[in-house]
Amino acid sequence: MPDFQPYTLDLAACRVQVGELKAFLGTSPALGEKALRKFLLPRTHLPALVGLYNPSLARPDRLAWE
């Protein structure tokens, strides 16, 4: 069972992290899963932002990695 942590969505931080992701993806055409995971772990707003694309979620308020 994943360990869910409380989370508050911050759209300004999301915008910054999306910019960081764009720069990161531009560094190499062949990034692996390990590199992407290492990049995403400290950036909690990016996975939460993906959750907004699910119309059944009102606002993400908990996050878990596994």
PDB file of N, CA and C in Angstrom:
ATOM      1  N   MET A   1       0.845  -1.173   0.000  1.00  0.00           N
ATOM      2  CA  MET A   1       0.000   0.000   0.000  1.00  0.00           C
ATOM      3  C   MET A   1       0.895   1.241   0.000  1.00  0.00           C
ATOM      4  N   PRO A   2       0.629   2.187  -0.892  1.00  0.00           N
ATOM      5  CA  PRO A   2       1.453   3.400  -0.921  1.00  0.00           C
ATOM      6  C   PRO A   2       1.244   4.252   0.315  1.00  0.00           C
ATOM      7  N   ASP A   3       2.272   4.996   0.650  1.00  0.00           N
ATOM      8  CA  ASP A   3       2.217   5.914   1.777  1.00  0.00           C
ATOM      9  C   ASP A   3       1.842   7.296   1.244  1.00  0.00           C
ATOM     10  N   PHE A   4       0.592   7.672   1.370  1.00  0.00           N
ATOM     11  CA  PHE A   4       0.114   8.956   0.862  1.00  0.00           C
ATOM     12  C   PHE A   4       0.517  10.075   1.808  1.00  0.00           C
ATOM     13  N   GLN A   5       1.028  11.150   1.232  1.00  0.00           N
ATOM     14  CA  GLN A   5       1.432  12.325   1.995  1.00  0.00           C
ATOM     15  C   GLN A   5       0.469  13.471   1.682  1.00  0.00           C
ATOM     16  N   PRO A   6       0.136  14.295   2.680  1.00  0.00           N
ATOM     17  CA  PRO A   6      -0.701  15.465   2.394  1.00  0.00           C
ATOM     18  C   PRO A   6      -0.012  16.365   1.378  1.00  0.00           C
ATOM     19  N   TYR A   7      -0.805  17.015   0.562  1.00  0.00           N
ATOM     20  CA  TYR A   7      -0.260  17.823  -0.522  1.00  0.00           C
ATOM     21  C   TYR A   7      -1.197  18.986  -0.811  1.00  0.00           C
ATOM     22  N   THR A   8      -0.618  20.137  -1.145  1.00  0.00           N
ATOM     23  CA  THR A   8      -1.391  21.299  -1.563  1.00  0.00           C
ATOM     24  C   THR A   8      -0.885  21.747  -2.926  1.00  0.00           C
ATOM     25  N   LEU A   9      -1.767  21.812  -3.891  1.00  0.00           N
ATOM     26  CA  LEU A   9      -1.409  22.211  -5.246  1.00  0.00           C
ATOM     27  C   LEU A   9      -1.033  23.687  -5.291  1.00  0.00           C
ATOM     28  N   ASP A  10       0.088  23.981  -5.917  1.00  0.00           N
ATOM     29  CA  ASP A  10       0.575  25.351  -6.081  1.00  0.00           C
ATOM     30  C   ASP A  10       0.825  25.557  -7.578  1.00  0.00           C
ATOM     31  N   LEU A  11      -0.081  26.265  -8.245  1.00  0.00           N
ATOM     32  CA  LEU A  11       0.008  26.413  -9.695  1.00  0.00           C
ATOM     33  C   LEU A  11       1.240  27.204 -10.135  1.00  0.00           C
ATOM     34  N   ALA A  12       1.701  28.144  -9.331  1.00  0.00           N
ATOM     35  CA  ALA A  12       2.921  28.888  -9.672  1.00  0.00           C
ATOM     36  C   ALA A  12       4.124  27.943  -9.647  1.00  0.00           C
ATOM     37  N   ALA A  13       4.185  27.081  -8.647  1.00  0.00           N
ATOM     38  CA  ALA A  13       5.274  26.092  -8.569  1.00  0.00           C
ATOM     39  C   ALA A  13       5.157  25.097  -9.722  1.00  0.00           C
ATOM     40  N   CYS A  14       3.937  24.745 -10.106  1.00  0.00           N
ATOM     41  CA  CYS A  14       3.721  23.853 -11.251  1.00  0.00           C
ATOM     42  C   CYS A  14       4.330  24.461 -12.511  1.00  0.00           C
ATOM     43  N   ARG A  15       4.101  25.741 -12.719  1.00  0.00           N
ATOM     44  CA  ARG A  15       4.614  26.420 -13.907  1.00  0.00           C
ATOM     45  C   ARG A  15       6.147  26.377 -13.930  1.00  0.00           C
ATOM     46  N   VAL A  16       6.768  26.619 -12.783  1.00  0.00           N
ATOM     47  CA  VAL A  16       8.234  26.571 -12.683  1.00  0.00           C
ATOM     48  C   VAL A  16       8.734  25.160 -12.993  1.00  0.00           C
ATOM     49  N   GLN A  17       8.074  24.160 -12.411  1.00  0.00           N
ATOM     50  CA  GLN A  17       8.517  22.784 -12.595  1.00  0.00           C
ATOM     51  C   GLN A  17       8.269  22.289 -14.010  1.00  0.00           C
ATOM     52  N   VAL A  18       7.236  22.768 -14.667  1.00  0.00           N
ATOM     53  CA  VAL A  18       7.016  22.410 -16.073  1.00  0.00           C
ATOM     54  C   VAL A  18       8.159  22.974 -16.921  1.00  0.00           C
ATOM     55  N   GLY A  19       8.602  24.175 -16.619  1.00  0.00           N
ATOM     56  CA  GLY A  19       9.755  24.753 -17.318  1.00  0.00           C
ATOM     57  C   GLY A  19      11.019  23.945 -17.086  1.00  0.00           C
ATOM     58  N   GLU A  20      11.212  23.488 -15.852  1.00  0.00           N
ATOM     59  CA  GLU A  20      12.367  22.640 -15.542  1.00  0.00           C
ATOM     60  C   GLU A  20      12.287  21.322 -16.302  1.00  0.00           C
ATOM     61  N   LEU A  21      11.086  20.761 -16.404  1.00  0.00           N
ATOM     62  CA  LEU A  21      10.900  19.508 -17.133  1.00  0.00           C
ATOM     63  C   LEU A  21      11.216  19.698 -18.617  1.00  0.00           C
ATOM     64  N   LYS A  22      10.764  20.790 -19.174  1.00  0.00           N
ATOM     65  CA  LYS A  22      11.043  21.070 -20.580  1.00  0.00           C
ATOM     66  C   LYS A  22      12.548  21.149 -20.820  1.00  0.00           C
ATOM     67  N   ALA A  23      13.262  21.845 -19.952  1.00  0.00           N
ATOM     68  CA  ALA A  23      14.719  21.950 -20.073  1.00  0.00           C
ATOM     69  C   ALA A  23      15.377  20.584 -19.894  1.00  0.00           C
ATOM     70  N   PHE A  24      14.896  19.803 -18.938  1.00  0.00           N
ATOM     71  CA  PHE A  24      15.450  18.473 -18.672  1.00  0.00           C
ATOM     72  C   PHE A  24      15.255  17.557 -19.879  1.00  0.00           C
ATOM     73  N   LEU A  25      14.078  17.567 -20.454  1.00  0.00           N
ATOM     74  CA  LEU A  25      13.806  16.704 -21.609  1.00  0.00           C
ATOM     75  C   LEU A  25      14.620  17.113 -22.824  1.00  0.00           C
ATOM     76  N   GLY A  26      15.013  18.368 -22.890  1.00  0.00           N
ATOM     77  CA  GLY A  26      15.825  18.845 -24.000  1.00  0.00           C
ATOM     78  C   GLY A  26      17.298  18.491 -23.879  1.00  0.00           C
ATOM     79  N   THR A  27      17.708  17.929 -22.727  1.00  0.00           N
ATOM     80  CA  THR A  27      19.119  17.610 -22.526  1.00  0.00           C
ATOM     81  C   THR A  27      19.558  16.359 -23.273  1.00  0.00           C
ATOM     82  N   SER A  28      18.637  15.443 -23.532  1.00  0.00           N
ATOM     83  CA  SER A  28      19.004  14.191 -24.185  1.00  0.00           C
ATOM     84  C   SER A  28      17.784  13.581 -24.869  1.00  0.00           C
ATOM     85  N   PRO A  29      17.963  13.035 -26.069  1.00  0.00           N
ATOM     86  CA  PRO A  29      16.823  12.412 -26.744  1.00  0.00           C
ATOM     87  C   PRO A  29      16.483  11.027 -26.177  1.00  0.00           C
ATOM     88  N   ALA A  30      17.347  10.474 -25.347  1.00  0.00           N
ATOM     89  CA  ALA A  30      17.139   9.111 -24.853  1.00  0.00           C
ATOM     90  C   ALA A  30      17.295   9.047 -23.334  1.00  0.00           C
ATOM     91  N   LEU A  31      16.399   9.691 -22.609  1.00  0.00           N
ATOM     92  CA  LEU A  31      16.426   9.642 -21.152  1.00  0.00           C
ATOM     93  C   LEU A  31      15.711   8.378 -20.686  1.00  0.00           C
ATOM     94  N   GLY A  32      16.297   7.718 -19.702  1.00  0.00           N
ATOM     95  CA  GLY A  32      15.697   6.497 -19.193  1.00  0.00           C
ATOM     96  C   GLY A  32      14.748   6.751 -18.031  1.00  0.00           C
ATOM     97  N   GLU A  33      14.080   5.693 -17.622  1.00  0.00           N
ATOM     98  CA  GLU A  33      13.122   5.776 -16.523  1.00  0.00           C
ATOM     99  C   GLU A  33      13.801   6.217 -15.229  1.00  0.00           C
ATOM    100  N   LYS A  34      15.016   5.716 -14.969  1.00  0.00           N
ATOM    101  CA  LYS A  34      15.738   6.083 -13.743  1.00  0.00           C
ATOM    102  C   LYS A  34      16.014   7.579 -13.687  1.00  0.00           C
ATOM    103  N   ALA A  35      16.463   8.138 -14.795  1.00  0.00           N
ATOM    104  CA  ALA A  35      16.767   9.570 -14.835  1.00  0.00           C
ATOM    105  C   ALA A  35      15.502  10.399 -14.630  1.00  0.00           C
ATOM    106  N   LEU A  36      14.417   9.976 -15.250  1.00  0.00           N
ATOM    107  CA  LEU A  36      13.160  10.701 -15.113  1.00  0.00           C
ATOM    108  C   LEU A  36      12.639  10.618 -13.679  1.00  0.00           C
ATOM    109  N   ARG A  37      12.719   9.452 -13.095  1.00  0.00           N
ATOM    110  CA  ARG A  37      12.267   9.282 -11.707  1.00  0.00           C
ATOM    111  C   ARG A  37      13.093  10.145 -10.759  1.00  0.00           C
ATOM    112  N   LYS A  38      14.407  10.151 -10.955  1.00  0.00           N
ATOM    113  CA  LYS A  38      15.291  10.963 -10.111  1.00  0.00           C
ATOM    114  C   LYS A  38      14.939  12.444 -10.261  1.00  0.00           C
ATOM    115  N   PHE A  39      14.600  12.857 -11.464  1.00  0.00           N
ATOM    116  CA  PHE A  39      14.208  14.240 -11.719  1.00  0.00           C
ATOM    117  C   PHE A  39      12.882  14.566 -11.024  1.00  0.00           C
ATOM    118  N   LEU A  40      11.914  13.662 -11.111  1.00  0.00           N
ATOM    119  CA  LEU A  40      10.569  13.939 -10.607  1.00  0.00           C
ATOM    120  C   LEU A  40      10.427  13.837  -9.088  1.00  0.00           C
ATOM    121  N   LEU A  41      11.222  13.005  -8.431  1.00  0.00           N
ATOM    122  CA  LEU A  41      11.043  12.787  -6.989  1.00  0.00           C
ATOM    123  C   LEU A  41      10.973  14.080  -6.172  1.00  0.00           C
ATOM    124  N   PRO A  42      11.861  15.034  -6.355  1.00  0.00           N
ATOM    125  CA  PRO A  42      11.748  16.257  -5.545  1.00  0.00           C
ATOM    126  C   PRO A  42      10.721  17.261  -6.082  1.00  0.00           C
ATOM    127  N   ARG A  43      10.151  16.993  -7.234  1.00  0.00           N
ATOM    128  CA  ARG A  43       9.208  17.922  -7.867  1.00  0.00           C
ATOM    129  C   ARG A  43       7.787  17.381  -7.760  1.00  0.00           C
ATOM    130  N   THR A  44       7.198  17.540  -6.603  1.00  0.00           N
ATOM    131  CA  THR A  44       5.884  16.943  -6.325  1.00  0.00           C
ATOM    132  C   THR A  44       4.755  17.573  -7.124  1.00  0.00           C
ATOM    133  N   HIS A  45       4.956  18.803  -7.602  1.00  0.00           N
ATOM    134  CA  HIS A  45       3.860  19.471  -8.301  1.00  0.00           C
ATOM    135  C   HIS A  45       3.611  18.890  -9.692  1.00  0.00           C
ATOM    136  N   LEU A  46       4.626  18.334 -10.327  1.00  0.00           N
ATOM    137  CA  LEU A  46       4.433  17.765 -11.674  1.00  0.00           C
ATOM    138  C   LEU A  46       3.502  16.551 -11.659  1.00  0.00           C
ATOM    139  N   PRO A  47       3.727  15.559 -10.800  1.00  0.00           N
ATOM    140  CA  PRO A  47       2.782  14.429 -10.776  1.00  0.00           C
ATOM    141  C   PRO A  47       1.368  14.862 -10.380  1.00  0.00           C
ATOM    142  N   ALA A  48       1.259  15.829  -9.485  1.00  0.00           N
ATOM    143  CA  ALA A  48      -0.070  16.314  -9.086  1.00  0.00           C
ATOM    144  C   ALA A  48      -0.744  17.020 -10.257  1.00  0.00           C
ATOM    145  N   LEU A  49       0.039  17.729 -11.046  1.00  0.00           N
ATOM    146  CA  LEU A  49      -0.509  18.425 -12.208  1.00  0.00           C
ATOM    147  C   LEU A  49      -1.110  17.428 -13.200  1.00  0.00           C
ATOM    148  N   VAL A  50      -0.469  16.296 -13.362  1.00  0.00           N
ATOM    149  CA  VAL A  50      -1.003  15.245 -14.243  1.00  0.00           C
ATOM    150  C   VAL A  50      -2.365  14.783 -13.725  1.00  0.00           C
ATOM    151  N   GLY A  51      -2.526  14.756 -12.408  1.00  0.00           N
ATOM    152  CA  GLY A  51      -3.798  14.355 -11.818  1.00  0.00           C
ATOM    153  C   GLY A  51      -4.950  15.268 -12.195  1.00  0.00           C
ATOM    154  N   LEU A  52      -4.647  16.508 -12.539  1.00  0.00           N
ATOM    155  CA  LEU A  52      -5.711  17.432 -12.928  1.00  0.00           C
ATOM    156  C   LEU A  52      -6.351  17.041 -14.256  1.00  0.00           C
ATOM    157  N   TYR A  53      -5.675  16.219 -15.034  1.00  0.00           N
ATOM    158  CA  TYR A  53      -6.234  15.767 -16.309  1.00  0.00           C
ATOM    159  C   TYR A  53      -7.290  14.686 -16.121  1.00  0.00           C
ATOM    160  N   ASN A  54      -7.422  14.168 -14.909  1.00  0.00           N
ATOM    161  CA  ASN A  54      -8.449  13.185 -14.598  1.00  0.00           C
ATOM    162  C   ASN A  54      -9.680  13.942 -14.101  1.00  0.00           C
ATOM    163  N   PRO A  55     -10.758  13.973 -14.883  1.00  0.00           N
ATOM    164  CA  PRO A  55     -11.916  14.782 -14.496  1.00  0.00           C
ATOM    165  C   PRO A  55     -12.615  14.297 -13.227  1.00  0.00           C
ATOM    166  N   SER A  56     -12.338  13.086 -12.763  1.00  0.00           N
ATOM    167  CA  SER A  56     -12.985  12.611 -11.543  1.00  0.00           C
ATOM    168  C   SER A  56     -12.291  13.135 -10.282  1.00  0.00           C
ATOM    169  N   LEU A  57     -11.119  13.758 -10.437  1.00  0.00           N
ATOM    170  CA  LEU A  57     -10.430  14.357  -9.292  1.00  0.00           C
ATOM    171  C   LEU A  57     -10.770  15.842  -9.219  1.00  0.00           C
ATOM    172  N   ALA A  58     -11.234  16.289  -8.082  1.00  0.00           N
ATOM    173  CA  ALA A  58     -11.534  17.708  -7.922  1.00  0.00           C
ATOM    174  C   ALA A  58     -10.234  18.488  -7.732  1.00  0.00           C
ATOM    175  N   ARG A  59      -9.461  18.139  -6.755  1.00  0.00           N
ATOM    176  CA  ARG A  59      -8.154  18.741  -6.468  1.00  0.00           C
ATOM    177  C   ARG A  59      -7.310  17.682  -5.769  1.00  0.00           C
ATOM    178  N   PRO A  60      -6.106  17.443  -6.258  1.00  0.00           N
ATOM    179  CA  PRO A  60      -5.264  16.473  -5.569  1.00  0.00           C
ATOM    180  C   PRO A  60      -4.881  17.015  -4.178  1.00  0.00           C
ATOM    181  N   ASP A  61      -5.051  16.192  -3.148  1.00  0.00           N
ATOM    182  CA  ASP A  61      -4.673  16.619  -1.809  1.00  0.00           C
ATOM    183  C   ASP A  61      -3.778  15.601  -1.101  1.00  0.00           C
ATOM    184  N   ARG A  62      -3.439  14.526  -1.823  1.00  0.00           N
ATOM    185  CA  ARG A  62      -2.491  13.525  -1.299  1.00  0.00           C
ATOM    186  C   ARG A  62      -1.686  12.974  -2.458  1.00  0.00           C
ATOM    187  N   LEU A  63      -0.409  12.672  -2.193  1.00  0.00           N
ATOM    188  CA  LEU A  63       0.468  12.101  -3.215  1.00  0.00           C
ATOM    189  C   LEU A  63       1.176  10.885  -2.665  1.00  0.00           C
ATOM    190  N   ALA A  64       1.449   9.923  -3.547  1.00  0.00           N
ATOM    191  CA  ALA A  64       2.247   8.742  -3.202  1.00  0.00           C
ATOM    192  C   ALA A  64       2.989   8.307  -4.449  1.00  0.00           C
ATOM    193  N   TRP A  65       4.176   7.772  -4.284  1.00  0.00           N
ATOM    194  CA  TRP A  65       4.978   7.354  -5.439  1.00  0.00           C
ATOM    195  C   TRP A  65       4.734   5.918  -5.843  1.00  0.00           C
ATOM    196  N   GLU A  66       4.513   5.050  -4.929  1.00  0.00           N
ATOM    197  CA  GLU A  66       4.381   3.632  -5.267  1.00  0.00           C
ATOM    198  C   GLU A  66       2.997   3.143  -4.950  1.00  0.00           C
TER     199      GLU A  66
END
